[in-house]
All heavy atoms as atom14 arrays in JSON, in Angstrom:
{
  "sequence": "RIAANISELKINPLLEKAAQMKADDMATRSYFAHNTPEGKTPWYW",
  "atom14_mask": [
    [1, 1, 1, 1, 1, 1, 1, 1, 1, 1, 1, 0, 0, 0],
    [1, 1, 1, 1, 1, 1, 1, 1, 0, 0, 0, 0, 0, 0],
    [1, 1, 1, 1, 1, 0, 0, 0, 0, 0, 0, 0, 0, 0],
    [1, 1, 1, 1, 1, 0, 0, 0, 0, 0, 0, 0, 0, 0],
    [1, 1, 1, 1, 1, 1, 1, 1, 0, 0, 0, 0, 0, 0],
    [1, 1, 1, 1, 1, 1, 1, 1, 0, 0, 0, 0, 0, 0],
    [1, 1, 1, 1, 1, 1, 0, 0, 0, 0, 0, 0, 0, 0],
    [1, 1, 1, 1, 1, 1, 1, 1, 1, 0, 0, 0, 0, 0],
    [1, 1, 1, 1, 1, 1, 1, 1, 0, 0, 0, 0, 0, 0],
    [1, 1, 1, 1, 1, 1, 1, 1, 1, 0, 0, 0, 0, 0],
    [1, 1, 1, 1, 1, 1, 1, 1, 0, 0, 0, 0, 0, 0],
    [1, 1, 1, 1, 1, 1, 1, 1, 0, 0, 0, 0, 0, 0],
    [1, 1, 1, 1, 1, 1, 1, 0, 0, 0, 0, 0, 0, 0],
    [1, 1, 1, 1, 1, 1, 1, 1, 0, 0, 0, 0, 0, 0],
    [1, 1, 1, 1, 1, 1, 1, 1, 0, 0, 0, 0, 0, 0],
    [1, 1, 1, 1, 1, 1, 1, 1, 1, 0, 0, 0, 0, 0],
    [1, 1, 1, 1, 1, 1, 1, 1, 1, 0, 0, 0, 0, 0],
    [1, 1, 1, 1, 1, 0, 0, 0, 0, 0, 0, 0, 0, 0],
    [1, 1, 1, 1, 1, 0, 0, 0, 0, 0, 0, 0, 0, 0],
    [1, 1, 1, 1, 1, 1, 1, 1, 1, 0, 0, 0, 0, 0],
    [1, 1, 1, 1, 1, 1, 1, 1, 0, 0, 0, 0, 0, 0],
    [1, 1, 1, 1, 1, 1, 1, 1, 1, 0, 0, 0, 0, 0],
    [1, 1, 1, 1, 1, 0, 0, 0, 0, 0, 0, 0, 0, 0],
    [1, 1, 1, 1, 1, 1, 1, 1, 0, 0, 0, 0, 0, 0],
    [1, 1, 1, 1, 1, 1, 1, 1, 0, 0, 0, 0, 0, 0],
    [1, 1, 1, 1, 1, 1, 1, 1, 0, 0, 0, 0, 0, 0],
    [1, 1, 1, 1, 1, 0, 0, 0, 0, 0, 0, 0, 0, 0],
    [1, 1, 1, 1, 1, 1, 1, 0, 0, 0, 0, 0, 0, 0],
    [1, 1, 1, 1, 1, 1, 1, 1, 1, 1, 1, 0, 0, 0],
    [1, 1, 1, 1, 1, 1, 0, 0, 0, 0, 0, 0, 0, 0],
    [1, 1, 1, 1, 1, 1, 1, 1, 1, 1, 1, 1, 0, 0],
    [1, 1, 1, 1, 1, 1, 1, 1, 1, 1, 1, 0, 0, 0],
    [1, 1, 1, 1, 1, 0, 0, 0, 0, 0, 0, 0, 0, 0],
    [1, 1, 1, 1, 1, 1, 1, 1, 1, 1, 0, 0, 0, 0],
    [1, 1, 1, 1, 1, 1, 1, 1, 0, 0, 0, 0, 0, 0],
    [1, 1, 1, 1, 1, 1, 1, 0, 0, 0, 0, 0, 0, 0],
    [1, 1, 1, 1, 1, 1, 1, 0, 0, 0, 0, 0, 0, 0],
    [1, 1, 1, 1, 1, 1, 1, 1, 1, 0, 0, 0, 0, 0],
    [1, 1, 1, 1, 0, 0, 0, 0, 0, 0, 0, 0, 0, 0],
    [1, 1, 1, 1, 1, 1, 1, 1, 1, 0, 0, 0, 0, 0],
    [1, 1, 1, 1, 1, 1, 1, 0, 0, 0, 0, 0, 0, 0],
    [1, 1, 1, 1, 1, 1, 1, 0, 0, 0, 0, 0, 0, 0],
    [1, 1, 1, 1, 1, 1, 1, 1, 1, 1, 1, 1, 1, 1],
    [1, 1, 1, 1, 1, 1, 1, 1, 1, 1, 1, 1, 0, 0],
    [1, 1, 1, 1, 1, 1, 1, 1, 1, 1, 1, 1, 1, 1]
  ],
  "atom14_positions": [
    [[0.81, -1.2, 0.01], [0.0, 0.02, 0.0], [0.86, 1.27, -0.03], [0.6, 2.19, -0.75], [-0.96, -0.02, 1.23], [-2.07, -1.05, 1.07], [-2.89, -1.17, 2.33], [-3.61, 0.08, 2.64], [-4.86, 0.32, 2.3], [-5.54, -0.53, 1.58], [-5.45, 1.48, 2.67], [0.0, 0.0, 0.0], [0.0, 0.0, 0.0], [0.0, 0.0, 0.0]],
    [[1.9, 1.27, 0.82], [2.78, 2.45, 0.91], [3.46, 2.68, -0.46], [3.58, 3.83, -0.91], [3.83, 2.26, 2.02], [3.12, 2.34, 3.4], [4.91, 3.31, 1.92], [3.99, 1.88, 4.56], [0.0, 0.0, 0.0], [0.0, 0.0, 0.0], [0.0, 0.0, 0.0], [0.0, 0.0, 0.0], [0.0, 0.0, 0.0], [0.0, 0.0, 0.0]],
    [[3.89, 1.58, -1.1], [4.54, 1.72, -2.4], [3.62, 2.35, -3.43], [4.06, 2.99, -4.38], [5.03, 0.35, -2.89], [0.0, 0.0, 0.0], [0.0, 0.0, 0.0], [0.0, 0.0, 0.0], [0.0, 0.0, 0.0], [0.0, 0.0, 0.0], [0.0, 0.0, 0.0], [0.0, 0.0, 0.0], [0.0, 0.0, 0.0], [0.0, 0.0, 0.0]],
    [[2.32, 2.18, -3.25], [1.31, 2.77, -4.15], [0.76, 4.04, -3.62], [-0.28, 4.55, -4.13], [0.18, 1.75, -4.41], [0.0, 0.0, 0.0], [0.0, 0.0, 0.0], [0.0, 0.0, 0.0], [0.0, 0.0, 0.0], [0.0, 0.0, 0.0], [0.0, 0.0, 0.0], [0.0, 0.0, 0.0], [0.0, 0.0, 0.0], [0.0, 0.0, 0.0]],
    [[1.38, 4.59, -2.59], [0.96, 5.87, -1.96], [-0.46, 5.78, -1.38], [-1.25, 6.71, -1.49], [1.08, 7.03, -2.94], [1.2, 8.36, -2.23], [1.67, 8.4, -1.13], [0.76, 9.42, -2.9], [0.0, 0.0, 0.0], [0.0, 0.0, 0.0], [0.0, 0.0, 0.0], [0.0, 0.0, 0.0], [0.0, 0.0, 0.0], [0.0, 0.0, 0.0]],
    [[-0.74, 4.63, -0.75], [-2.02, 4.44, -0.08], [-1.72, 4.25, 1.4], [-0.72, 3.58, 1.77], [-2.75, 3.14, -0.62], [-2.96, 3.31, -2.15], [-4.05, 2.91, 0.11], [-3.44, 2.01, -2.8], [0.0, 0.0, 0.0], [0.0, 0.0, 0.0], [0.0, 0.0, 0.0], [0.0, 0.0, 0.0], [0.0, 0.0, 0.0], [0.0, 0.0, 0.0]],
    [[-2.55, 4.82, 2.27], [-2.25, 4.8, 3.67], [-2.25, 3.39, 4.27], [-2.91, 2.48, 3.76], [-3.28, 5.63, 4.47], [-4.55, 5.12, 4.29], [0.0, 0.0, 0.0], [0.0, 0.0, 0.0], [0.0, 0.0, 0.0], [0.0, 0.0, 0.0], [0.0, 0.0, 0.0], [0.0, 0.0, 0.0], [0.0, 0.0, 0.0], [0.0, 0.0, 0.0]],
    [[-1.45, 3.21, 5.32], [-1.3, 1.91, 5.98], [-2.6, 1.54, 6.63], [-3.4, 2.39, 7.04], [-0.22, 1.97, 7.06], [1.17, 2.01, 6.54], [2.19, 1.95, 7.68], [2.33, 0.88, 8.29], [2.85, 2.99, 7.94], [0.0, 0.0, 0.0], [0.0, 0.0, 0.0], [0.0, 0.0, 0.0], [0.0, 0.0, 0.0], [0.0, 0.0, 0.0]],
    [[-2.79, 0.24, 6.8], [-3.94, -0.29, 7.52], [-3.53, -0.49, 8.99], [-2.42, -0.94, 9.29], [-4.38, -1.65, 6.93], [-4.86, -1.59, 5.49], [-4.92, -2.96, 4.9], [-6.21, -0.89, 5.38], [0.0, 0.0, 0.0], [0.0, 0.0, 0.0], [0.0, 0.0, 0.0], [0.0, 0.0, 0.0], [0.0, 0.0, 0.0], [0.0, 0.0, 0.0]],
    [[-4.46, -0.16, 9.87], [-4.21, -0.39, 11.33], [-4.89, -1.69, 11.71], [-5.98, -2.04, 11.26], [-4.85, 0.76, 12.13], [-4.38, 2.15, 11.79], [-2.91, 2.3, 12.1], [-2.45, 3.71, 11.69], [-1.11, 3.77, 11.16], [0.0, 0.0, 0.0], [0.0, 0.0, 0.0], [0.0, 0.0, 0.0], [0.0, 0.0, 0.0], [0.0, 0.0, 0.0]],
    [[-4.2, -2.42, 12.56], [-4.75, -3.68, 13.07], [-5.92, -3.41, 14.01], [-5.8, -2.59, 14.92], [-3.68, -4.56, 13.79], [-2.54, -4.93, 12.8], [-4.29, -5.77, 14.42], [-1.35, -5.54, 13.47], [0.0, 0.0, 0.0], [0.0, 0.0, 0.0], [0.0, 0.0, 0.0], [0.0, 0.0, 0.0], [0.0, 0.0, 0.0], [0.0, 0.0, 0.0]],
    [[-7.03, -4.13, 13.76], [-8.19, -4.02, 14.61], [-8.47, -5.35, 15.28], [-8.63, -6.35, 14.58], [-9.42, -3.56, 13.76], [-10.63, -3.4, 14.65], [-11.22, -4.37, 15.11], [-11.08, -2.18, 14.85], [0.0, 0.0, 0.0], [0.0, 0.0, 0.0], [0.0, 0.0, 0.0], [0.0, 0.0, 0.0], [0.0, 0.0, 0.0], [0.0, 0.0, 0.0]],
    [[-8.53, -5.39, 16.62], [-8.73, -6.67, 17.33], [-10.06, -7.36, 16.92], [-10.1, -8.61, 16.93], [-8.76, -6.29, 18.77], [-8.04, -4.99, 18.85], [-8.28, -4.29, 17.55], [0.0, 0.0, 0.0], [0.0, 0.0, 0.0], [0.0, 0.0, 0.0], [0.0, 0.0, 0.0], [0.0, 0.0, 0.0], [0.0, 0.0, 0.0], [0.0, 0.0, 0.0]],
    [[-11.1, -6.62, 16.64], [-12.36, -7.25, 16.22], [-12.21, -7.93, 14.87], [-12.74, -9.0, 14.64], [-13.47, -6.21, 16.17], [-13.98, -5.72, 17.53], [-15.07, -4.65, 17.33], [-14.53, -6.86, 18.41], [0.0, 0.0, 0.0], [0.0, 0.0, 0.0], [0.0, 0.0, 0.0], [0.0, 0.0, 0.0], [0.0, 0.0, 0.0], [0.0, 0.0, 0.0]],
    [[-11.47, -7.27, 13.96], [-11.26, -7.9, 12.63], [-10.36, -9.16, 12.78], [-10.56, -10.15, 12.12], [-10.64, -6.93, 11.66], [-11.53, -5.83, 11.17], [-10.79, -4.86, 10.23], [-12.78, -6.37, 10.51], [0.0, 0.0, 0.0], [0.0, 0.0, 0.0], [0.0, 0.0, 0.0], [0.0, 0.0, 0.0], [0.0, 0.0, 0.0], [0.0, 0.0, 0.0]],
    [[-9.38, -9.08, 13.73], [-8.57, -10.28, 13.98], [-9.41, -11.43, 14.51], [-9.27, -12.57, 14.09], [-7.44, -9.95, 14.99], [-6.34, -9.1, 14.43], [-5.28, -8.8, 15.48], [-5.62, -8.51, 16.64], [-4.1, -8.84, 15.1], [0.0, 0.0, 0.0], [0.0, 0.0, 0.0], [0.0, 0.0, 0.0], [0.0, 0.0, 0.0], [0.0, 0.0, 0.0]],
    [[-10.35, -11.08, 15.39], [-11.23, -12.1, 15.98], [-12.15, -12.7, 14.93], [-12.33, -13.92, 14.86], [-12.04, -11.48, 17.13], [-12.9, -12.49, 17.87], [-13.61, -11.82, 19.04], [-14.48, -12.83, 19.81], [-15.23, -12.21, 20.91], [0.0, 0.0, 0.0], [0.0, 0.0, 0.0], [0.0, 0.0, 0.0], [0.0, 0.0, 0.0], [0.0, 0.0, 0.0]],
    [[-12.73, -11.84, 14.07], [-13.59, -12.32, 13.01], [-12.8, -13.18, 12.03], [-13.29, -14.27, 11.62], [-14.21, -11.15, 12.25], [0.0, 0.0, 0.0], [0.0, 0.0, 0.0], [0.0, 0.0, 0.0], [0.0, 0.0, 0.0], [0.0, 0.0, 0.0], [0.0, 0.0, 0.0], [0.0, 0.0, 0.0], [0.0, 0.0, 0.0], [0.0, 0.0, 0.0]],
    [[-11.57, -12.79, 11.7], [-10.71, -13.58, 10.8], [-10.39, -14.94, 11.38], [-10.4, -15.95, 10.72], [-9.46, -12.81, 10.44], [0.0, 0.0, 0.0], [0.0, 0.0, 0.0], [0.0, 0.0, 0.0], [0.0, 0.0, 0.0], [0.0, 0.0, 0.0], [0.0, 0.0, 0.0], [0.0, 0.0, 0.0], [0.0, 0.0, 0.0], [0.0, 0.0, 0.0]],
    [[-10.12, -14.94, 12.72], [-9.79, -16.19, 13.42], [-10.99, -17.13, 13.41], [-10.83, -18.34, 13.15], [-9.34, -15.93, 14.85], [-8.72, -17.16, 15.52], [-7.47, -17.63, 14.83], [-6.47, -16.92, 14.79], [-7.52, -18.81, 14.21], [0.0, 0.0, 0.0], [0.0, 0.0, 0.0], [0.0, 0.0, 0.0], [0.0, 0.0, 0.0], [0.0, 0.0, 0.0]],
    [[-12.16, -16.61, 13.66], [-13.38, -17.41, 13.68], [-13.61, -18.02, 12.28], [-13.99, -19.2, 12.18], [-14.56, -16.6, 14.16], [-14.45, -16.21, 15.6], [-15.69, -15.02, 16.13], [-17.11, -16.09, 16.24], [0.0, 0.0, 0.0], [0.0, 0.0, 0.0], [0.0, 0.0, 0.0], [0.0, 0.0, 0.0], [0.0, 0.0, 0.0], [0.0, 0.0, 0.0]],
    [[-13.44, -17.22, 11.27], [-13.65, -17.73, 9.87], [-12.57, -18.77, 9.54], [-12.91, -19.84, 8.99], [-13.58, -16.55, 8.9], [-13.62, -16.94, 7.41], [-14.95, -17.56, 7.01], [-14.98, -17.99, 5.53], [-15.39, -16.91, 4.66], [0.0, 0.0, 0.0], [0.0, 0.0, 0.0], [0.0, 0.0, 0.0], [0.0, 0.0, 0.0], [0.0, 0.0, 0.0]],
    [[-11.32, -18.5, 9.88], [-10.25, -19.47, 9.59], [-10.5, -20.78, 10.33], [-10.37, -21.87, 9.75], [-8.9, -18.88, 9.96], [0.0, 0.0, 0.0], [0.0, 0.0, 0.0], [0.0, 0.0, 0.0], [0.0, 0.0, 0.0], [0.0, 0.0, 0.0], [0.0, 0.0, 0.0], [0.0, 0.0, 0.0], [0.0, 0.0, 0.0], [0.0, 0.0, 0.0]],
    [[-10.87, -20.7, 11.6], [-11.14, -21.92, 12.4], [-12.33, -22.65, 11.81], [-12.34, -23.9, 11.78], [-11.43, -21.56, 13.83], [-10.18, -21.04, 14.57], [-9.06, -21.27, 14.1], [-10.34, -20.45, 15.67], [0.0, 0.0, 0.0], [0.0, 0.0, 0.0], [0.0, 0.0, 0.0], [0.0, 0.0, 0.0], [0.0, 0.0, 0.0], [0.0, 0.0, 0.0]],
    [[-13.36, -21.95, 11.33], [-14.52, -22.62, 10.78], [-14.12, -23.4, 9.54], [-14.53, -24.56, 9.37], [-15.59, -21.57, 10.47], [-16.93, -22.21, 10.13], [-17.49, -22.91, 10.99], [-17.39, -22.03, 8.98], [0.0, 0.0, 0.0], [0.0, 0.0, 0.0], [0.0, 0.0, 0.0], [0.0, 0.0, 0.0], [0.0, 0.0, 0.0], [0.0, 0.0, 0.0]],
    [[-13.36, -22.76, 8.66], [-12.94, -23.45, 7.43], [-12.08, -24.64, 7.76], [-12.25, -25.72, 7.19], [-12.22, -22.5, 6.48], [-13.08, -21.47, 5.82], [-12.29, -20.57, 4.46], [-10.95, -19.79, 5.32], [0.0, 0.0, 0.0], [0.0, 0.0, 0.0], [0.0, 0.0, 0.0], [0.0, 0.0, 0.0], [0.0, 0.0, 0.0], [0.0, 0.0, 0.0]],
    [[-11.14, -24.47, 8.7], [-10.21, -25.57, 9.07], [-10.94, -26.71, 9.72], [-10.67, -27.89, 9.43], [-9.12, -25.01, 9.99], [0.0, 0.0, 0.0], [0.0, 0.0, 0.0], [0.0, 0.0, 0.0], [0.0, 0.0, 0.0], [0.0, 0.0, 0.0], [0.0, 0.0, 0.0], [0.0, 0.0, 0.0], [0.0, 0.0, 0.0], [0.0, 0.0, 0.0]],
    [[-11.89, -26.41, 10.6], [-12.61, -27.43, 11.33], [-13.54, -28.22, 10.4], [-13.68, -29.43, 10.52], [-13.45, -26.79, 12.45], [-12.57, -26.11, 13.34], [-14.26, -27.84, 13.23], [0.0, 0.0, 0.0], [0.0, 0.0, 0.0], [0.0, 0.0, 0.0], [0.0, 0.0, 0.0], [0.0, 0.0, 0.0], [0.0, 0.0, 0.0], [0.0, 0.0, 0.0]],
    [[-14.13, -27.51, 9.45], [-15.12, -28.14, 8.55], [-14.59, -28.47, 7.18], [-15.38, -28.89, 6.33], [-16.37, -27.28, 8.55], [-16.91, -27.08, 9.98], [-18.27, -26.53, 10.15], [-18.56, -25.35, 9.34], [-19.73, -25.1, 8.79], [-20.71, -25.94, 8.9], [-19.93, -23.98, 8.11], [0.0, 0.0, 0.0], [0.0, 0.0, 0.0], [0.0, 0.0, 0.0]],
    [[-13.31, -28.22, 6.98], [-12.67, -28.63, 5.71], [-13.3, -28.09, 4.45], [-13.53, -28.78, 3.47], [-12.56, -30.16, 5.58], [-11.86, -30.7, 6.67], [0.0, 0.0, 0.0], [0.0, 0.0, 0.0], [0.0, 0.0, 0.0], [0.0, 0.0, 0.0], [0.0, 0.0, 0.0], [0.0, 0.0, 0.0], [0.0, 0.0, 0.0], [0.0, 0.0, 0.0]],
    [[-13.57, -26.76, 4.46], [-14.04, -26.09, 3.25], [-13.2, -24.87, 3.01], [-12.52, -24.37, 3.91], [-15.55, -25.74, 3.3], [-15.85, -24.57, 4.23], [-15.95, -23.28, 3.71], [-16.1, -24.76, 5.57], [-16.24, -22.18, 4.54], [-16.39, -23.69, 6.43], [-16.48, -22.42, 5.89], [-16.78, -21.34, 6.7], [0.0, 0.0, 0.0], [0.0, 0.0, 0.0]],
    [[-13.19, -24.4, 1.81], [-12.48, -23.16, 1.47], [-13.35, -22.32, 0.54], [-13.47, -22.62, -0.67], [-11.15, -23.53, 0.8], [-10.34, -22.33, 0.37], [-9.78, -21.45, 1.3], [-10.17, -22.04, -0.97], [-9.04, -20.34, 0.91], [-9.43, -20.93, -1.4], [-8.89, -20.09, -0.44], [0.0, 0.0, 0.0], [0.0, 0.0, 0.0], [0.0, 0.0, 0.0]],
    [[-13.99, -21.3, 1.09], [-14.9, -20.48, 0.32], [-15.25, -19.23, 1.13], [-15.16, -19.26, 2.36], [-16.16, -21.24, -0.02], [0.0, 0.0, 0.0], [0.0, 0.0, 0.0], [0.0, 0.0, 0.0], [0.0, 0.0, 0.0], [0.0, 0.0, 0.0], [0.0, 0.0, 0.0], [0.0, 0.0, 0.0], [0.0, 0.0, 0.0], [0.0, 0.0, 0.0]],
    [[-15.64, -18.2, 0.39], [-16.06, -16.99, 1.11], [-17.36, -17.24, 1.85], [-17.58, -16.66, 2.93], [-16.21, -15.83, 0.11], [-14.89, -15.36, -0.39], [-14.03, -14.6, 0.36], [-14.31, -15.53, -1.59], [-12.93, -14.34, -0.33], [-13.07, -14.91, -1.52], [0.0, 0.0, 0.0], [0.0, 0.0, 0.0], [0.0, 0.0, 0.0], [0.0, 0.0, 0.0]],
    [[-18.25, -18.06, 1.31], [-19.48, -18.41, 1.99], [-19.34, -19.75, 2.65], [-18.75, -20.65, 2.09], [-20.65, -18.42, 1.01], [-20.93, -17.05, 0.46], [-20.46, -16.02, 0.98], [-21.75, -16.99, -0.59], [0.0, 0.0, 0.0], [0.0, 0.0, 0.0], [0.0, 0.0, 0.0], [0.0, 0.0, 0.0], [0.0, 0.0, 0.0], [0.0, 0.0, 0.0]],
    [[-19.97, -19.92, 3.83], [-19.9, -21.22, 4.5], [-20.79, -22.2, 3.72], [-21.61, -21.82, 2.86], [-20.48, -21.12, 5.95], [-21.91, -20.86, 5.87], [-19.78, -20.01, 6.75], [0.0, 0.0, 0.0], [0.0, 0.0, 0.0], [0.0, 0.0, 0.0], [0.0, 0.0, 0.0], [0.0, 0.0, 0.0], [0.0, 0.0, 0.0], [0.0, 0.0, 0.0]],
    [[-20.69, -23.5, 4.02], [-21.55, -24.47, 3.34], [-23.06, -24.15, 3.49], [-23.85, -24.49, 2.64], [-21.18, -25.8, 4.01], [-19.78, -25.64, 4.44], [-19.66, -24.17, 4.87], [0.0, 0.0, 0.0], [0.0, 0.0, 0.0], [0.0, 0.0, 0.0], [0.0, 0.0, 0.0], [0.0, 0.0, 0.0], [0.0, 0.0, 0.0], [0.0, 0.0, 0.0]],
    [[-23.42, -23.48, 4.58], [-24.83, -23.1, 4.8], [-25.19, -21.76, 4.09], [-26.35, -21.33, 4.18], [-25.15, -22.96, 6.29], [-24.9, -24.17, 7.14], [-23.39, -24.35, 7.47], [-22.68, -23.33, 7.66], [-23.0, -25.46, 7.58], [0.0, 0.0, 0.0], [0.0, 0.0, 0.0], [0.0, 0.0, 0.0], [0.0, 0.0, 0.0], [0.0, 0.0, 0.0]],
    [[-24.18, -21.14, 3.5], [-24.45, -19.89, 2.8], [-24.16, -18.59, 3.57], [-24.51, -17.52, 3.08], [0.0, 0.0, 0.0], [0.0, 0.0, 0.0], [0.0, 0.0, 0.0], [0.0, 0.0, 0.0], [0.0, 0.0, 0.0], [0.0, 0.0, 0.0], [0.0, 0.0, 0.0], [0.0, 0.0, 0.0], [0.0, 0.0, 0.0], [0.0, 0.0, 0.0]],
    [[-23.62, -18.7, 4.75], [-23.29, -17.53, 5.52], [-22.15, -16.75, 4.78], [-21.14, -17.33, 4.46], [-22.88, -17.83, 6.92], [-24.0, -18.39, 7.74], [-23.57, -18.76, 9.16], [-24.75, -19.4, 9.89], [-24.35, -19.99, 11.16], [0.0, 0.0, 0.0], [0.0, 0.0, 0.0], [0.0, 0.0, 0.0], [0.0, 0.0, 0.0], [0.0, 0.0, 0.0]],
    [[-22.37, -15.48, 4.57], [-21.43, -14.66, 3.82], [-20.28, -14.16, 4.72], [-20.35, -14.31, 5.93], [-22.14, -13.43, 3.21], [-22.52, -12.56, 4.3], [-23.34, -13.81, 2.39], [0.0, 0.0, 0.0], [0.0, 0.0, 0.0], [0.0, 0.0, 0.0], [0.0, 0.0, 0.0], [0.0, 0.0, 0.0], [0.0, 0.0, 0.0], [0.0, 0.0, 0.0]],
    [[-19.24, -13.6, 4.15], [-18.15, -13.03, 4.97], [-18.67, -12.0, 5.99], [-18.13, -11.87, 7.09], [-17.23, -12.37, 3.95], [-17.47, -13.12, 2.71], [-18.92, -13.49, 2.69], [0.0, 0.0, 0.0], [0.0, 0.0, 0.0], [0.0, 0.0, 0.0], [0.0, 0.0, 0.0], [0.0, 0.0, 0.0], [0.0, 0.0, 0.0], [0.0, 0.0, 0.0]],
    [[-19.73, -11.33, 5.65], [-20.21, -10.26, 6.54], [-20.8, -10.79, 7.81], [-20.86, -10.09, 8.84], [-21.25, -9.4, 5.76], [-20.87, -9.26, 4.28], [-21.69, -9.54, 3.23], [-19.61, -8.95, 3.77], [-21.01, -9.35, 2.07], [-19.72, -8.98, 2.35], [-18.38, -8.59, 4.3], [-18.68, -8.69, 1.49], [-17.33, -8.31, 3.45], [-17.49, -8.37, 2.06]],
    [[-21.12, -12.07, 7.83], [-21.62, -12.77, 9.03], [-20.58, -12.68, 10.15], [-20.91, -12.43, 11.32], [-21.94, -14.22, 8.68], [-22.09, -15.12, 9.87], [-23.31, -15.13, 10.6], [-21.08, -15.96, 10.34], [-23.46, -15.97, 11.7], [-21.24, -16.77, 11.43], [-22.43, -16.78, 12.11], [-22.6, -17.59, 13.22], [0.0, 0.0, 0.0], [0.0, 0.0, 0.0]],
    [[-19.32, -12.88, 9.8], [-18.24, -12.88, 10.81], [-17.99, -11.5, 11.34], [-17.69, -11.34, 12.55], [-16.95, -13.48, 10.17], [-17.24, -14.82, 9.59], [-17.4, -15.12, 8.26], [-17.39, -16.05, 10.28], [-17.71, -16.47, 8.1], [-17.67, -17.06, 9.35], [-17.35, -16.41, 11.61], [-17.9, -18.36, 9.67], [-17.57, -17.72, 11.97], [-17.88, -18.7, 10.99]]
  ]
}
């Protein structure tokens, strides 16, 4: 981002938690997709 003259991103603990929950869900249930097998979108997390 800096190389393209775009401001840096700040780490947000809530986004880290949401990302962890999504990663754990995919790992536990062996799928790889933006939507869960039940159709929950990324915005759910």
